[in-house]
Amino acid sequence: MKAIILAAGQGTRLRPVTLTMPKSLVPVANKHLIEYAIDTIKGAGITDIGIVVNNLESPIVAAFDNGHGLGVKLEYIVQDEQLGLAHATGLCRDFVGDEPFAMFLGDNIFQDKMSDFIRTFPASNADASIVLAEVSDPSRFGIAVVESGEIKRVIEKPKNPPSNLAIVGVYLFRNSIFDAIGKIKPSARGEYEITDAIQQMITEKKAITPYKIKGWYIDAGKPEPIILANQLVLEGLPYSPAPTLKSGKIEGDSEVSHRVIIGDNSRIVNSVVRGPVIIGDNTIIQDSYVGPYTAIGDNCHIEGSEIEASIVMNNCVIRLIPGRIDRSLLADNAQVVSTERMPTAYRFVLAENTIVEV
């Protein structure tokens, strides 16, 4: 069994961050979004993975190369034009061959690892199996109607949803999906919809089974869900004792709680850090407060400031910011600095190389 991950989208809902990085590379708890999909796939025993990118110069290719560092084998399939999920799936026909395969969207993150669900699919009688979740706003999703243990109908973003079971971005297929893709036409928005291909299979009396996920899931396509995903992943960190002065990473009058992970050559100086928090390598936290559910990347410098429930990517500077930065997303190389202290609260979503002086 093989797997494919669709990661060629432009990430327009996450701009300005995605002006300079694919959304699949946005970090959650200091790990790229797409790595969570890779971990789930690997956990189900699959190591041959194809990633659909918009070109071979994609930063995704540069970040992961052949996948050796992740313990998998990666190949890249190019989708020059973003013509829909079914179009992207069809481009993977040569890669998957005649084998059953799993398909993941590169920007979703799940608490459920789905290992048994994926492992048992090849021996099942289903032509496809689709992961579903109950949602409160089903008109925003592809929706499935389930009867007697099978999916009998799927509809893309219906105005009057017949159920609240949303299709959430994980699919198991046999190669019959490719014949179905060949029979569908573009939707009103000019894309080949994977829901139309699944409906084509249903019309042809193929067996399509549901799998309802356990626990939370996040469609991390916007800043707010990315920050929520970061909180949920950090919440799941196992207990670790508070670092001590003997660790060489805590200096001066600092207070650091349990569930704080500190990277190599990073230092906490005269600061308070309350977990769960993850801090990358070569980062300095000085005269500051870092609150729960914060992820800080490599080579950052936070001085005289307060921040919590936020994501700070690599090479960022936060200096002398009055008030508390809360639920914010700062991309690589962002600088947020103040020359005069004012009693004001701020929230930022910043792209690479942005400088904000307040």
Foldseek 3Di string as FASTA:
>chain_A
DAEEEEQADQLPQAPPASVPAGQQQADFLQGGLQVLVVVLCVLLVHAEYEYEHQDCVHVVCVVQPQNVVVVHGYDYFHDVDCQEDLVSVLSCCVVQPQDKYKYFYSQKHAPFSCNVVVNCVVVDQAQKEFEWEFDPQQLQAWAFDDDPQFTQAIDGNDPDDPGRIGGDGMMIHGPVLNVLQVPDAGDPVRHSYSRSSVNSCSVVVGTYGYDYGPDDMFRRSHLQSSLVSSQVVFVPDDWDAWDDVVVVAEEDCEAEGICEAEEACEHEECEYEYEVEYAYYCEYEYCEYEYYSEYAYYCEYEECAAEYSEYHYAQEYEENEADYEYSEYHHACEYEYEPDYDNDYDHYHYYHPHYHYD
